[in-house]
Amino acid sequence: MAEIVGIDISTAYRYLKSMKEAGILSSRYENGTEYFDFSSTDIYKLLELALEFVDRVNGKNSLNSQKLNDLINFEPLSEQEFTPDVVLDMRGEICPVRDLATQKKLQDMKDGQVLLVIVDYPLSGERIPYRAKQLGHEVITKKKDSLGNIYIYIRCKNENMYK
């Protein structure tokens, strides 16, 4: 989250704690680490609006709000049907297993193959496409079903990437 909004981690943590104290976010502790719950895309919309406001006040047109916007939008599948070469069903897995397993699977795939990642945790539905793009892969689309499952289609771009 800190990288998306362009601030250091300690500042992001202070903001998250403030949002928790205001009742906007909730969190849980696990093995001494606090995990914030971003399960609502409304939280992302709120952050996007805040970034746009700060940009206007500072007279900037930051890319950060666009990055955040890219993360919260669910694109419907186009008329073209995408048949995945590999399916990675990560429903029920804990963080960061979903993210790391996806990254590992992409490393093992051939250039041009399509990976379908299925997750049931909204933040993973945001982080996985963001990280895949950072690594140079193509996020074809993602969609959400009525049960909250998120389907992320990623075209592997491994040519010379991991050599």
C-alpha atoms as a PDB file:
ATOM      1  CA  MET A   1       0.000   0.000   0.000  1.00  0.00           C
ATOM      2  CA  ALA A   2       2.812   2.402   0.841  1.00  0.00           C
ATOM      3  CA  GLU A   3       4.349   1.956  -2.605  1.00  0.00           C
ATOM      4  CA  ILE A   4       1.013   2.586  -4.323  1.00  0.00           C
ATOM      5  CA  VAL A   5       0.469   5.907  -2.587  1.00  0.00           C
ATOM      6  CA  GLY A   6       4.141   6.887  -2.758  1.00  0.00           C
ATOM      7  CA  ILE A   7       4.945   7.138   0.955  1.00  0.00           C
ATOM      8  CA  ASP A   8       7.275   5.291   3.299  1.00  0.00           C
ATOM      9  CA  ILE A   9       6.026   2.286   5.234  1.00  0.00           C
ATOM     10  CA  SER A  10       6.088   3.921   8.674  1.00  0.00           C
ATOM     11  CA  THR A  11       3.944   6.817   7.434  1.00  0.00           C
ATOM     12  CA  ALA A  12       1.519   4.379   5.806  1.00  0.00           C
ATOM     13  CA  TYR A  13       1.295   2.442   9.067  1.00  0.00           C
ATOM     14  CA  ARG A  14       0.475   5.617  11.022  1.00  0.00           C
ATOM     15  CA  TYR A  15      -2.287   6.445   8.516  1.00  0.00           C
ATOM     16  CA  LEU A  16      -3.670   2.904   8.715  1.00  0.00           C
ATOM     17  CA  LYS A  17      -3.681   3.057  12.530  1.00  0.00           C
ATOM     18  CA  SER A  18      -5.557   6.380  12.346  1.00  0.00           C
ATOM     19  CA  MET A  19      -8.112   4.855   9.984  1.00  0.00           C
ATOM     20  CA  LYS A  20      -8.516   1.935  12.383  1.00  0.00           C
ATOM     21  CA  GLU A  21      -9.013   4.270  15.345  1.00  0.00           C
ATOM     22  CA  ALA A  22     -11.655   6.158  13.338  1.00  0.00           C
ATOM     23  CA  GLY A  23     -13.490   2.893  12.672  1.00  0.00           C
ATOM     24  CA  ILE A  24     -12.800   2.908   8.910  1.00  0.00           C
ATOM     25  CA  LEU A  25     -10.552  -0.173   8.933  1.00  0.00           C
ATOM     26  CA  SER A  26     -10.234  -3.219  11.108  1.00  0.00           C
ATOM     27  CA  SER A  27      -7.178  -5.352  11.763  1.00  0.00           C
ATOM     28  CA  ARG A  28      -6.091  -8.578  13.352  1.00  0.00           C
ATOM     29  CA  TYR A  29      -2.854  -9.714  14.956  1.00  0.00           C
ATOM     30  CA  GLU A  30      -1.161 -12.901  13.874  1.00  0.00           C
ATOM     31  CA  ASN A  31       2.248 -14.000  15.162  1.00  0.00           C
ATOM     32  CA  GLY A  32       3.012 -10.474  16.364  1.00  0.00           C
ATOM     33  CA  THR A  33       2.137  -8.802  13.032  1.00  0.00           C
ATOM     34  CA  GLU A  34      -0.848  -6.541  12.510  1.00  0.00           C
ATOM     35  CA  TYR A  35      -2.819  -7.234   9.325  1.00  0.00           C
ATOM     36  CA  PHE A  36      -5.265  -4.574   8.125  1.00  0.00           C
ATOM     37  CA  ASP A  37      -8.494  -5.657   6.448  1.00  0.00           C
ATOM     38  CA  PHE A  38      -8.997  -4.052   3.037  1.00  0.00           C
ATOM     39  CA  SER A  39     -11.815  -6.392   2.068  1.00  0.00           C
ATOM     40  CA  SER A  40     -13.989  -3.577   0.783  1.00  0.00           C
ATOM     41  CA  THR A  41     -13.246  -1.888  -2.524  1.00  0.00           C
ATOM     42  CA  ASP A  42     -14.895   1.152  -0.914  1.00  0.00           C
ATOM     43  CA  ILE A  43     -11.674   1.562   1.079  1.00  0.00           C
ATOM     44  CA  TYR A  44      -9.719   1.784  -2.184  1.00  0.00           C
ATOM     45  CA  LYS A  45     -12.196   4.286  -3.590  1.00  0.00           C
ATOM     46  CA  LEU A  46     -11.788   6.365  -0.433  1.00  0.00           C
ATOM     47  CA  LEU A  47      -7.997   6.267  -0.799  1.00  0.00           C
ATOM     48  CA  GLU A  48      -8.260   7.163  -4.478  1.00  0.00           C
ATOM     49  CA  LEU A  49     -10.374  10.225  -3.684  1.00  0.00           C
ATOM     50  CA  ALA A  50      -7.919  11.258  -0.979  1.00  0.00           C
ATOM     51  CA  LEU A  51      -4.997  10.984  -3.421  1.00  0.00           C
ATOM     52  CA  GLU A  52      -6.835  13.030  -6.033  1.00  0.00           C
ATOM     53  CA  PHE A  53      -7.596  15.692  -3.423  1.00  0.00           C
ATOM     54  CA  VAL A  54      -3.946  15.872  -2.315  1.00  0.00           C
ATOM     55  CA  ASP A  55      -2.871  16.121  -5.959  1.00  0.00           C
ATOM     56  CA  ARG A  56      -5.229  19.050  -6.554  1.00  0.00           C
ATOM     57  CA  VAL A  57      -4.073  20.831  -3.399  1.00  0.00           C
ATOM     58  CA  ASN A  58      -0.431  20.357  -4.399  1.00  0.00           C
ATOM     59  CA  GLY A  59      -1.071  21.232  -8.048  1.00  0.00           C
ATOM     60  CA  LYS A  60       0.154  17.856  -9.221  1.00  0.00           C
ATOM     61  CA  ASN A  61      -1.205  15.189 -11.483  1.00  0.00           C
ATOM     62  CA  SER A  62       0.299  12.202  -9.735  1.00  0.00           C
ATOM     63  CA  LEU A  63       0.345   8.761 -11.294  1.00  0.00           C
ATOM     64  CA  ASN A  64      -0.322   7.277  -7.864  1.00  0.00           C
ATOM     65  CA  SER A  65      -4.073   7.819  -8.031  1.00  0.00           C
ATOM     66  CA  GLN A  66      -4.135   6.154 -11.457  1.00  0.00           C
ATOM     67  CA  LYS A  67      -2.189   3.193 -10.086  1.00  0.00           C
ATOM     68  CA  LEU A  68      -4.706   2.866  -7.293  1.00  0.00           C
ATOM     69  CA  ASN A  69      -7.586   3.180  -9.737  1.00  0.00           C
ATOM     70  CA  ASP A  70      -6.108   0.412 -11.870  1.00  0.00           C
ATOM     71  CA  LEU A  71      -6.055  -1.816  -8.806  1.00  0.00           C
ATOM     72  CA  ILE A  72      -9.703  -1.421  -7.813  1.00  0.00           C
ATOM     73  CA  ASN A  73     -11.385  -1.796 -11.193  1.00  0.00           C
ATOM     74  CA  PHE A  74     -12.713  -5.212 -12.123  1.00  0.00           C
ATOM     75  CA  GLU A  75     -12.764  -5.618 -15.886  1.00  0.00           C
ATOM     76  CA  PRO A  76     -15.402  -7.894 -17.386  1.00  0.00           C
ATOM     77  CA  LEU A  77     -14.225 -10.648 -19.670  1.00  0.00           C
ATOM     78  CA  SER A  78     -14.427  -9.616 -23.302  1.00  0.00           C
ATOM     79  CA  GLU A  79     -16.248 -11.605 -25.945  1.00  0.00           C
ATOM     80  CA  GLN A  80     -13.015 -13.491 -26.549  1.00  0.00           C
ATOM     81  CA  GLU A  81     -12.842 -16.510 -24.268  1.00  0.00           C
ATOM     82  CA  PHE A  82      -9.566 -16.958 -22.439  1.00  0.00           C
ATOM     83  CA  THR A  83      -8.711 -20.582 -21.875  1.00  0.00           C
ATOM     84  CA  PRO A  84      -6.019 -20.817 -19.222  1.00  0.00           C
ATOM     85  CA  ASP A  85      -3.067 -23.143 -19.655  1.00  0.00           C
ATOM     86  CA  VAL A  86      -2.684 -23.388 -15.878  1.00  0.00           C
ATOM     87  CA  VAL A  87      -5.217 -22.846 -13.067  1.00  0.00           C
ATOM     88  CA  LEU A  88      -3.990 -21.873  -9.615  1.00  0.00           C
ATOM     89  CA  ASP A  89      -6.850 -22.053  -7.109  1.00  0.00           C
ATOM     90  CA  MET A  90      -5.692 -20.154  -4.023  1.00  0.00           C
ATOM     91  CA  ARG A  91      -9.055 -19.865  -2.241  1.00  0.00           C
ATOM     92  CA  GLY A  92      -8.652 -20.353   1.481  1.00  0.00           C
ATOM     93  CA  GLU A  93      -4.874 -19.836   1.468  1.00  0.00           C
ATOM     94  CA  ILE A  94      -3.321 -17.288   3.825  1.00  0.00           C
ATOM     95  CA  CYS A  95      -1.104 -14.317   2.994  1.00  0.00           C
ATOM     96  CA  PRO A  96       1.479 -14.217   1.529  1.00  0.00           C
ATOM     97  CA  VAL A  97       1.066 -17.768   0.154  1.00  0.00           C
ATOM     98  CA  ARG A  98      -1.293 -16.634  -2.634  1.00  0.00           C
ATOM     99  CA  ASP A  99       1.082 -13.950  -3.880  1.00  0.00           C
ATOM    100  CA  LEU A 100       4.232 -16.052  -3.656  1.00  0.00           C
ATOM    101  CA  ALA A 101       2.639 -19.127  -5.239  1.00  0.00           C
ATOM    102  CA  THR A 102       1.425 -17.001  -8.159  1.00  0.00           C
ATOM    103  CA  GLN A 103       4.866 -15.489  -8.675  1.00  0.00           C
ATOM    104  CA  LYS A 104       6.510 -18.935  -8.534  1.00  0.00           C
ATOM    105  CA  LYS A 105       3.975 -20.425 -10.953  1.00  0.00           C
ATOM    106  CA  LEU A 106       4.597 -17.581 -13.436  1.00  0.00           C
ATOM    107  CA  GLN A 107       8.354 -18.228 -13.231  1.00  0.00           C
ATOM    108  CA  ASP A 108       7.758 -21.873 -14.147  1.00  0.00           C
ATOM    109  CA  MET A 109       5.478 -21.126 -17.104  1.00  0.00           C
ATOM    110  CA  LYS A 110       6.386 -20.597 -20.743  1.00  0.00           C
ATOM    111  CA  ASP A 111       6.153 -17.236 -22.445  1.00  0.00           C
ATOM    112  CA  GLY A 112       2.636 -16.655 -23.789  1.00  0.00           C
ATOM    113  CA  GLN A 113       0.868 -19.174 -21.557  1.00  0.00           C
ATOM    114  CA  VAL A 114      -2.197 -17.967 -19.633  1.00  0.00           C
ATOM    115  CA  LEU A 115      -2.467 -18.442 -15.877  1.00  0.00           C
ATOM    116  CA  LEU A 116      -5.828 -18.250 -14.129  1.00  0.00           C
ATOM    117  CA  VAL A 117      -5.469 -17.398 -10.433  1.00  0.00           C
ATOM    118  CA  ILE A 118      -8.574 -17.773  -8.275  1.00  0.00           C
ATOM    119  CA  VAL A 119      -8.588 -16.007  -4.901  1.00  0.00           C
ATOM    120  CA  ASP A 120     -11.239 -15.261  -2.307  1.00  0.00           C
ATOM    121  CA  TYR A 121      -9.458 -12.447  -0.471  1.00  0.00           C
ATOM    122  CA  PRO A 122     -10.024  -8.988  -2.032  1.00  0.00           C
ATOM    123  CA  LEU A 123      -6.575  -7.625  -1.193  1.00  0.00           C
ATOM    124  CA  SER A 124      -4.950 -10.545  -3.044  1.00  0.00           C
ATOM    125  CA  GLY A 125      -7.220  -9.682  -5.940  1.00  0.00           C
ATOM    126  CA  GLU A 126      -5.512  -6.286  -5.955  1.00  0.00           C
ATOM    127  CA  ARG A 127      -1.921  -7.268  -5.128  1.00  0.00           C
ATOM    128  CA  ILE A 128      -1.523 -10.192  -7.530  1.00  0.00           C
ATOM    129  CA  PRO A 129      -2.332  -8.223 -10.722  1.00  0.00           C
ATOM    130  CA  TYR A 130      -0.246  -5.276  -9.505  1.00  0.00           C
ATOM    131  CA  ARG A 131       2.785  -7.492  -8.861  1.00  0.00           C
ATOM    132  CA  ALA A 132       2.311  -9.396 -12.135  1.00  0.00           C
ATOM    133  CA  LYS A 133       2.382  -6.091 -14.031  1.00  0.00           C
ATOM    134  CA  GLN A 134       5.497  -5.030 -12.113  1.00  0.00           C
ATOM    135  CA  LEU A 135       7.188  -8.249 -13.222  1.00  0.00           C
ATOM    136  CA  GLY A 136       6.306  -7.544 -16.855  1.00  0.00           C
ATOM    137  CA  HIS A 137       3.433  -9.993 -17.289  1.00  0.00           C
ATOM    138  CA  GLU A 138       0.167  -9.029 -18.986  1.00  0.00           C
ATOM    139  CA  VAL A 139      -2.936  -8.960 -16.822  1.00  0.00           C
ATOM    140  CA  ILE A 140      -5.582  -9.872 -19.370  1.00  0.00           C
ATOM    141  CA  THR A 141      -8.558  -9.309 -17.112  1.00  0.00           C
ATOM    142  CA  LYS A 142     -10.003  -9.993 -13.717  1.00  0.00           C
ATOM    143  CA  LYS A 143     -13.565 -10.558 -12.689  1.00  0.00           C
ATOM    144  CA  LYS A 144     -15.472 -11.197  -9.509  1.00  0.00           C
ATOM    145  CA  ASP A 145     -18.339 -13.631  -9.141  1.00  0.00           C
ATOM    146  CA  SER A 146     -21.388 -13.306  -6.887  1.00  0.00           C
ATOM    147  CA  LEU A 147     -19.661 -15.369  -4.171  1.00  0.00           C
ATOM    148  CA  GLY A 148     -16.725 -12.961  -3.956  1.00  0.00           C
ATOM    149  CA  ASN A 149     -14.243 -15.186  -5.799  1.00  0.00           C
ATOM    150  CA  ILE A 150     -11.831 -13.227  -7.966  1.00  0.00           C
ATOM    151  CA  TYR A 151     -10.567 -14.676 -11.244  1.00  0.00           C
ATOM    152  CA  ILE A 152      -7.310 -13.147 -12.502  1.00  0.00           C
ATOM    153  CA  TYR A 153      -6.121 -14.032 -16.018  1.00  0.00           C
ATOM    154  CA  ILE A 154      -2.406 -13.362 -16.566  1.00  0.00           C
ATOM    155  CA  ARG A 155      -0.467 -13.915 -19.784  1.00  0.00           C
ATOM    156  CA  CYS A 156       3.053 -14.999 -18.908  1.00  0.00           C
ATOM    157  CA  LYS A 157       5.834 -12.858 -20.358  1.00  0.00           C
ATOM    158  CA  ASN A 158       8.920 -14.848 -19.369  1.00  0.00           C
ATOM    159  CA  GLU A 159      11.006 -14.364 -22.498  1.00  0.00           C
ATOM    160  CA  ASN A 160      14.490 -13.608 -21.133  1.00  0.00           C
ATOM    161  CA  MET A 161      12.932 -12.515 -17.831  1.00  0.00           C
ATOM    162  CA  TYR A 162      14.243 -15.262 -15.565  1.00  0.00           C
ATOM    163  CA  LYS A 163      17.240 -16.392 -17.591  1.00  0.00           C
END
